[in-house]
């Protein structure tokens, strides 16, 4: 089964190769520019793009830029399965989506600045064993989480989640400067951010084949 992963669109509606499953790892919108009315953009240009992508199924989560989604919810009727601390089964694969990450400039779907990892552990505790794909926005600590300064800002609770659930695949984004593919044990971790730190699209979506 062909899977395509892309995160941090920031309203860049990029070309997507033909696939069975498209996974979108949050930051669909752009808090510092782009459309003035984010809900209208989601229901208009983004909805049209979803109709046009050559993917049989699309699954998405929100990210820290998606303040309008946190405030008003994800629009109904889009050709997309939006997951917010919820799961879905597609093609005999179980997928869990969650938008949360460690505190980051007090934007959307942030854990509290104090006790943030306890908060995240509580959110991740809902993820059952046997999940095949975890789709999230923030990366786990030590994997795709290095800022341009060299600091790591990933979640230790997410590492504990990986060790508990051992999903074959975890897809994230959020940290533009550390996109890539990593591995922890049997779990492949993909930071699928398509943009650089200037919010310009510089990378293609990640394509992989999964057995199911």
C-alpha atoms as a PDB file:
ATOM      1  CA  UNK A   1       0.000   0.000   0.000  1.00  0.00           C
ATOM      2  CA  UNK A   2       1.370   3.387  -1.023  1.00  0.00           C
ATOM      3  CA  UNK A   3       1.401   5.975   1.783  1.00  0.00           C
ATOM      4  CA  UNK A   4       2.340   9.645   1.359  1.00  0.00           C
ATOM      5  CA  UNK A   5       3.214  11.844   4.354  1.00  0.00           C
ATOM      6  CA  UNK A   6       3.264  15.649   4.423  1.00  0.00           C
ATOM      7  CA  UNK A   7       3.259  18.062   7.331  1.00  0.00           C
ATOM      8  CA  UNK A   8       3.413  21.815   7.879  1.00  0.00           C
ATOM      9  CA  UNK A   9       1.674  22.826   4.678  1.00  0.00           C
ATOM     10  CA  UNK A  10       1.198  26.372   5.988  1.00  0.00           C
ATOM     11  CA  UNK A  11      -1.300  26.843   3.143  1.00  0.00           C
ATOM     12  CA  UNK A  12       1.100  25.589   0.457  1.00  0.00           C
ATOM     13  CA  UNK A  13      -1.089  23.232  -1.551  1.00  0.00           C
ATOM     14  CA  UNK A  14       1.679  21.087  -2.959  1.00  0.00           C
ATOM     15  CA  UNK A  15       1.613  18.302  -5.517  1.00  0.00           C
ATOM     16  CA  UNK A  16       0.868  14.893  -4.040  1.00  0.00           C
ATOM     17  CA  UNK A  17       1.792  11.680  -5.856  1.00  0.00           C
ATOM     18  CA  UNK A  18      -0.819   9.011  -6.394  1.00  0.00           C
ATOM     19  CA  UNK A  19      -1.318   6.966  -3.237  1.00  0.00           C
ATOM     20  CA  UNK A  20      -3.731   4.901  -1.211  1.00  0.00           C
ATOM     21  CA  UNK A  21      -3.345   6.979   1.949  1.00  0.00           C
ATOM     22  CA  UNK A  22      -2.280  10.600   2.454  1.00  0.00           C
ATOM     23  CA  UNK A  23      -1.277  11.560   6.013  1.00  0.00           C
ATOM     24  CA  UNK A  24      -1.214  15.286   6.873  1.00  0.00           C
ATOM     25  CA  UNK A  25       0.646  16.070  10.090  1.00  0.00           C
ATOM     26  CA  UNK A  26      -0.791  19.445  11.059  1.00  0.00           C
ATOM     27  CA  UNK A  27      -0.114  23.147  10.534  1.00  0.00           C
ATOM     28  CA  UNK A  28      -2.488  23.120   7.617  1.00  0.00           C
ATOM     29  CA  UNK A  29      -2.960  26.883   8.007  1.00  0.00           C
ATOM     30  CA  UNK A  30      -0.442  29.682   8.565  1.00  0.00           C
ATOM     31  CA  UNK A  31      -0.796  31.880  11.629  1.00  0.00           C
ATOM     32  CA  UNK A  32       1.551  34.605  10.342  1.00  0.00           C
ATOM     33  CA  UNK A  33       0.287  35.032   6.791  1.00  0.00           C
ATOM     34  CA  UNK A  34      -1.645  33.423   4.021  1.00  0.00           C
ATOM     35  CA  UNK A  35      -5.418  33.681   4.090  1.00  0.00           C
ATOM     36  CA  UNK A  36      -7.090  36.250   6.308  1.00  0.00           C
ATOM     37  CA  UNK A  37     -10.060  33.975   7.058  1.00  0.00           C
ATOM     38  CA  UNK A  38      -8.718  30.528   7.922  1.00  0.00           C
ATOM     39  CA  UNK A  39     -12.108  28.836   8.095  1.00  0.00           C
ATOM     40  CA  UNK A  40     -12.974  30.165   4.633  1.00  0.00           C
ATOM     41  CA  UNK A  41      -9.627  28.910   3.331  1.00  0.00           C
ATOM     42  CA  UNK A  42     -10.208  25.451   4.815  1.00  0.00           C
ATOM     43  CA  UNK A  43     -13.698  25.296   3.312  1.00  0.00           C
ATOM     44  CA  UNK A  44     -12.549  26.740  -0.014  1.00  0.00           C
ATOM     45  CA  UNK A  45      -9.020  26.320  -1.404  1.00  0.00           C
ATOM     46  CA  UNK A  46      -8.055  23.515   0.958  1.00  0.00           C
ATOM     47  CA  UNK A  47     -11.295  21.634   0.329  1.00  0.00           C
ATOM     48  CA  UNK A  48     -10.784  21.956  -3.448  1.00  0.00           C
ATOM     49  CA  UNK A  49      -7.208  20.684  -3.087  1.00  0.00           C
ATOM     50  CA  UNK A  50      -8.392  17.673  -1.101  1.00  0.00           C
ATOM     51  CA  UNK A  51     -10.824  16.846  -3.890  1.00  0.00           C
ATOM     52  CA  UNK A  52      -8.011  17.009  -6.437  1.00  0.00           C
ATOM     53  CA  UNK A  53      -5.258  15.010  -4.717  1.00  0.00           C
ATOM     54  CA  UNK A  54      -4.818  11.498  -6.161  1.00  0.00           C
ATOM     55  CA  UNK A  55      -5.202   9.789  -2.783  1.00  0.00           C
ATOM     56  CA  UNK A  56      -7.882   7.235  -2.055  1.00  0.00           C
ATOM     57  CA  UNK A  57      -8.091   8.303   1.600  1.00  0.00           C
ATOM     58  CA  UNK A  58      -6.805  11.363   3.481  1.00  0.00           C
ATOM     59  CA  UNK A  59      -6.214  11.573   7.242  1.00  0.00           C
ATOM     60  CA  UNK A  60      -5.199  14.814   8.970  1.00  0.00           C
ATOM     61  CA  UNK A  61      -4.454  16.300  12.359  1.00  0.00           C
ATOM     62  CA  UNK A  62      -4.055  19.932  13.371  1.00  0.00           C
ATOM     63  CA  UNK A  63      -0.931  21.679  14.642  1.00  0.00           C
ATOM     64  CA  UNK A  64       0.183  24.687  16.634  1.00  0.00           C
ATOM     65  CA  UNK A  65      -0.580  27.138  13.799  1.00  0.00           C
ATOM     66  CA  UNK A  66      -4.146  25.870  13.460  1.00  0.00           C
ATOM     67  CA  UNK A  67      -5.654  28.242  16.013  1.00  0.00           C
ATOM     68  CA  UNK A  68      -8.892  28.494  14.069  1.00  0.00           C
ATOM     69  CA  UNK A  69      -9.352  24.727  14.174  1.00  0.00           C
ATOM     70  CA  UNK A  70      -8.770  24.727  17.930  1.00  0.00           C
ATOM     71  CA  UNK A  71     -11.266  27.552  18.326  1.00  0.00           C
ATOM     72  CA  UNK A  72     -13.972  26.584  15.827  1.00  0.00           C
ATOM     73  CA  UNK A  73     -13.355  22.939  14.994  1.00  0.00           C
ATOM     74  CA  UNK A  74     -12.570  21.298  11.678  1.00  0.00           C
ATOM     75  CA  UNK A  75     -15.084  22.017   8.905  1.00  0.00           C
ATOM     76  CA  UNK A  76     -17.635  19.334   8.105  1.00  0.00           C
ATOM     77  CA  UNK A  77     -17.922  17.757   4.701  1.00  0.00           C
ATOM     78  CA  UNK A  78     -14.293  17.851   3.591  1.00  0.00           C
ATOM     79  CA  UNK A  79     -12.803  14.840   1.802  1.00  0.00           C
ATOM     80  CA  UNK A  80     -10.658  14.059   4.798  1.00  0.00           C
ATOM     81  CA  UNK A  81     -10.741  12.111   8.057  1.00  0.00           C
ATOM     82  CA  UNK A  82      -9.805  14.657  10.723  1.00  0.00           C
ATOM     83  CA  UNK A  83      -8.569  13.052  13.944  1.00  0.00           C
ATOM     84  CA  UNK A  84      -8.265  14.824  17.262  1.00  0.00           C
ATOM     85  CA  UNK A  85      -7.384  12.265  19.939  1.00  0.00           C
ATOM     86  CA  UNK A  86      -9.285   9.659  17.986  1.00  0.00           C
ATOM     87  CA  UNK A  87      -8.677   6.622  15.829  1.00  0.00           C
ATOM     88  CA  UNK A  88      -9.879   5.183  12.547  1.00  0.00           C
ATOM     89  CA  UNK A  89      -9.388   1.950  10.618  1.00  0.00           C
ATOM     90  CA  UNK A  90      -8.589   2.124   6.908  1.00  0.00           C
ATOM     91  CA  UNK A  91      -7.270  -0.684   4.704  1.00  0.00           C
ATOM     92  CA  UNK A  92      -6.931  -2.961   7.759  1.00  0.00           C
ATOM     93  CA  UNK A  93      -4.642  -0.342   9.344  1.00  0.00           C
ATOM     94  CA  UNK A  94      -5.495   1.346  12.624  1.00  0.00           C
ATOM     95  CA  UNK A  95      -4.534   5.027  12.714  1.00  0.00           C
ATOM     96  CA  UNK A  96      -4.573   7.340  15.731  1.00  0.00           C
ATOM     97  CA  UNK A  97      -4.353  11.102  15.358  1.00  0.00           C
ATOM     98  CA  UNK A  98      -3.428  13.669  18.005  1.00  0.00           C
ATOM     99  CA  UNK A  99      -2.458  17.349  17.565  1.00  0.00           C
ATOM    100  CA  UNK A 100      -0.700  18.077  20.864  1.00  0.00           C
ATOM    101  CA  UNK A 101       2.930  19.071  21.410  1.00  0.00           C
ATOM    102  CA  UNK A 102       5.054  20.573  24.194  1.00  0.00           C
ATOM    103  CA  UNK A 103       4.437  24.239  24.954  1.00  0.00           C
ATOM    104  CA  UNK A 104       5.573  26.296  21.967  1.00  0.00           C
ATOM    105  CA  UNK A 105       4.951  30.057  21.972  1.00  0.00           C
ATOM    106  CA  UNK A 106       1.487  29.586  23.500  1.00  0.00           C
ATOM    107  CA  UNK A 107      -0.184  28.746  20.192  1.00  0.00           C
ATOM    108  CA  UNK A 108      -2.787  26.081  19.367  1.00  0.00           C
ATOM    109  CA  UNK A 109      -2.886  22.560  20.806  1.00  0.00           C
ATOM    110  CA  UNK A 110      -0.036  23.226  23.229  1.00  0.00           C
ATOM    111  CA  UNK A 111       0.529  21.453  26.481  1.00  0.00           C
ATOM    112  CA  UNK A 112       0.798  23.777  29.505  1.00  0.00           C
ATOM    113  CA  UNK A 113       4.165  25.382  30.091  1.00  0.00           C
ATOM    114  CA  UNK A 114       4.282  23.815  33.569  1.00  0.00           C
ATOM    115  CA  UNK A 115       3.686  20.071  33.781  1.00  0.00           C
ATOM    116  CA  UNK A 116       3.495  19.768  30.021  1.00  0.00           C
ATOM    117  CA  UNK A 117       4.817  16.227  29.752  1.00  0.00           C
ATOM    118  CA  UNK A 118       2.301  15.017  32.343  1.00  0.00           C
ATOM    119  CA  UNK A 119      -0.426  16.664  30.241  1.00  0.00           C
ATOM    120  CA  UNK A 120       0.855  14.965  27.079  1.00  0.00           C
ATOM    121  CA  UNK A 121       1.165  11.614  28.827  1.00  0.00           C
ATOM    122  CA  UNK A 122      -2.499  11.935  29.754  1.00  0.00           C
ATOM    123  CA  UNK A 123      -3.470  12.627  26.147  1.00  0.00           C
ATOM    124  CA  UNK A 124      -1.325   9.783  24.827  1.00  0.00           C
ATOM    125  CA  UNK A 125      -2.674   7.338  27.424  1.00  0.00           C
ATOM    126  CA  UNK A 126      -5.838   7.108  25.312  1.00  0.00           C
ATOM    127  CA  UNK A 127      -3.875   5.517  22.454  1.00  0.00           C
ATOM    128  CA  UNK A 128      -4.441   1.758  22.624  1.00  0.00           C
ATOM    129  CA  UNK A 129      -1.957  -0.969  21.879  1.00  0.00           C
ATOM    130  CA  UNK A 130      -2.029  -2.436  18.413  1.00  0.00           C
ATOM    131  CA  UNK A 131      -2.151   0.902  16.583  1.00  0.00           C
ATOM    132  CA  UNK A 132      -0.355   0.715  13.236  1.00  0.00           C
ATOM    133  CA  UNK A 133       0.142   4.441  12.580  1.00  0.00           C
ATOM    134  CA  UNK A 134       0.348   7.350  15.008  1.00  0.00           C
ATOM    135  CA  UNK A 135      -0.205  10.678  13.237  1.00  0.00           C
ATOM    136  CA  UNK A 136       0.734  13.667  15.351  1.00  0.00           C
ATOM    137  CA  UNK A 137       2.123  17.165  14.971  1.00  0.00           C
ATOM    138  CA  UNK A 138       5.040  17.365  17.378  1.00  0.00           C
ATOM    139  CA  UNK A 139       7.982  14.947  17.231  1.00  0.00           C
ATOM    140  CA  UNK A 140       9.248  12.693  20.023  1.00  0.00           C
ATOM    141  CA  UNK A 141      12.290  13.816  21.992  1.00  0.00           C
ATOM    142  CA  UNK A 142      15.447  13.011  20.071  1.00  0.00           C
ATOM    143  CA  UNK A 143      13.843  12.268  16.712  1.00  0.00           C
ATOM    144  CA  UNK A 144      13.228  15.057  14.223  1.00  0.00           C
ATOM    145  CA  UNK A 145      13.013  17.627  16.997  1.00  0.00           C
ATOM    146  CA  UNK A 146      16.252  19.612  16.679  1.00  0.00           C
ATOM    147  CA  UNK A 147      15.886  23.355  16.180  1.00  0.00           C
ATOM    148  CA  UNK A 148      18.345  25.320  14.051  1.00  0.00           C
ATOM    149  CA  UNK A 149      19.924  26.396  17.366  1.00  0.00           C
ATOM    150  CA  UNK A 150      20.671  22.757  18.182  1.00  0.00           C
ATOM    151  CA  UNK A 151      18.128  22.595  21.004  1.00  0.00           C
ATOM    152  CA  UNK A 152      15.795  19.608  21.089  1.00  0.00           C
ATOM    153  CA  UNK A 153      12.132  20.333  21.771  1.00  0.00           C
ATOM    154  CA  UNK A 154      10.414  16.976  21.321  1.00  0.00           C
ATOM    155  CA  UNK A 155       8.207  15.200  23.813  1.00  0.00           C
ATOM    156  CA  UNK A 156       9.540  12.601  26.249  1.00  0.00           C
ATOM    157  CA  UNK A 157       5.955  11.414  26.779  1.00  0.00           C
ATOM    158  CA  UNK A 158       5.813  10.643  23.066  1.00  0.00           C
ATOM    159  CA  UNK A 159       8.929   8.491  23.383  1.00  0.00           C
ATOM    160  CA  UNK A 160       7.190   6.584  26.181  1.00  0.00           C
ATOM    161  CA  UNK A 161       4.170   6.221  23.894  1.00  0.00           C
ATOM    162  CA  UNK A 162       6.350   4.682  21.172  1.00  0.00           C
ATOM    163  CA  UNK A 163       7.887   2.244  23.630  1.00  0.00           C
ATOM    164  CA  UNK A 164       4.462   1.239  24.959  1.00  0.00           C
ATOM    165  CA  UNK A 165       2.516   0.939  21.705  1.00  0.00           C
ATOM    166  CA  UNK A 166       5.386   0.145  19.289  1.00  0.00           C
ATOM    167  CA  UNK A 167       3.552   1.409  16.202  1.00  0.00           C
ATOM    168  CA  UNK A 168       5.253   0.484  12.921  1.00  0.00           C
ATOM    169  CA  UNK A 169       4.965   4.126  11.813  1.00  0.00           C
ATOM    170  CA  UNK A 170       4.772   7.512  13.539  1.00  0.00           C
ATOM    171  CA  UNK A 171       4.351  10.602  11.342  1.00  0.00           C
ATOM    172  CA  UNK A 172       4.897  14.121  12.668  1.00  0.00           C
ATOM    173  CA  UNK A 173       6.245  17.525  11.642  1.00  0.00           C
ATOM    174  CA  UNK A 174       6.368  20.833  13.526  1.00  0.00           C
ATOM    175  CA  UNK A 175      10.174  21.272  13.568  1.00  0.00           C
ATOM    176  CA  UNK A 176      10.965  22.409  10.046  1.00  0.00           C
ATOM    177  CA  UNK A 177      14.740  22.276  10.495  1.00  0.00           C
ATOM    178  CA  UNK A 178      14.868  18.554  11.335  1.00  0.00           C
ATOM    179  CA  UNK A 179      12.709  16.860   8.727  1.00  0.00           C
ATOM    180  CA  UNK A 180      13.725  13.317   7.896  1.00  0.00           C
ATOM    181  CA  UNK A 181      13.305   9.651   8.673  1.00  0.00           C
ATOM    182  CA  UNK A 182      14.401   8.105  11.954  1.00  0.00           C
ATOM    183  CA  UNK A 183      13.979   4.828  13.799  1.00  0.00           C
ATOM    184  CA  UNK A 184      13.404   3.814  17.389  1.00  0.00           C
ATOM    185  CA  UNK A 185      13.290   0.057  17.692  1.00  0.00           C
ATOM    186  CA  UNK A 186      10.601  -1.272  15.352  1.00  0.00           C
ATOM    187  CA  UNK A 187       9.034   2.167  14.857  1.00  0.00           C
ATOM    188  CA  UNK A 188       9.863   4.323  11.860  1.00  0.00           C
ATOM    189  CA  UNK A 189       9.507   8.018  12.722  1.00  0.00           C
ATOM    190  CA  UNK A 190       9.002  10.485   9.880  1.00  0.00           C
ATOM    191  CA  UNK A 191       9.177  14.238  10.344  1.00  0.00           C
ATOM    192  CA  UNK A 192       7.413  15.088   7.097  1.00  0.00           C
ATOM    193  CA  UNK A 193       7.628  18.884   7.239  1.00  0.00           C
ATOM    194  CA  UNK A 194       7.687  20.231   3.688  1.00  0.00           C
ATOM    195  CA  UNK A 195       8.799  23.780   4.614  1.00  0.00           C
ATOM    196  CA  UNK A 196      11.980  25.367   5.927  1.00  0.00           C
ATOM    197  CA  UNK A 197      12.262  27.833   8.800  1.00  0.00           C
ATOM    198  CA  UNK A 198      11.187  30.622   6.437  1.00  0.00           C
ATOM    199  CA  UNK A 199       7.923  28.733   5.785  1.00  0.00           C
ATOM    200  CA  UNK A 200       8.897  28.119   2.175  1.00  0.00           C
ATOM    201  CA  UNK A 201       8.171  24.694   0.640  1.00  0.00           C
ATOM    202  CA  UNK A 202      11.541  23.063   0.011  1.00  0.00           C
ATOM    203  CA  UNK A 203      10.805  19.329   0.356  1.00  0.00           C
ATOM    204  CA  UNK A 204       8.594  16.830  -1.372  1.00  0.00           C
ATOM    205  CA  UNK A 205       6.098  14.730   0.512  1.00  0.00           C
ATOM    206  CA  UNK A 206       7.525  11.455   1.819  1.00  0.00           C
ATOM    207  CA  UNK A 207       6.452   8.329  -0.051  1.00  0.00           C
ATOM    208  CA  UNK A 208       6.611   4.824   1.423  1.00  0.00           C
ATOM    209  CA  UNK A 209       5.072   1.426   0.896  1.00  0.00           C
ATOM    210  CA  UNK A 210       3.471  -0.394   3.821  1.00  0.00           C
ATOM    211  CA  UNK A 211       2.427  -4.005   4.085  1.00  0.00           C
ATOM    212  CA  UNK A 212      -1.051  -4.457   5.501  1.00  0.00           C
END
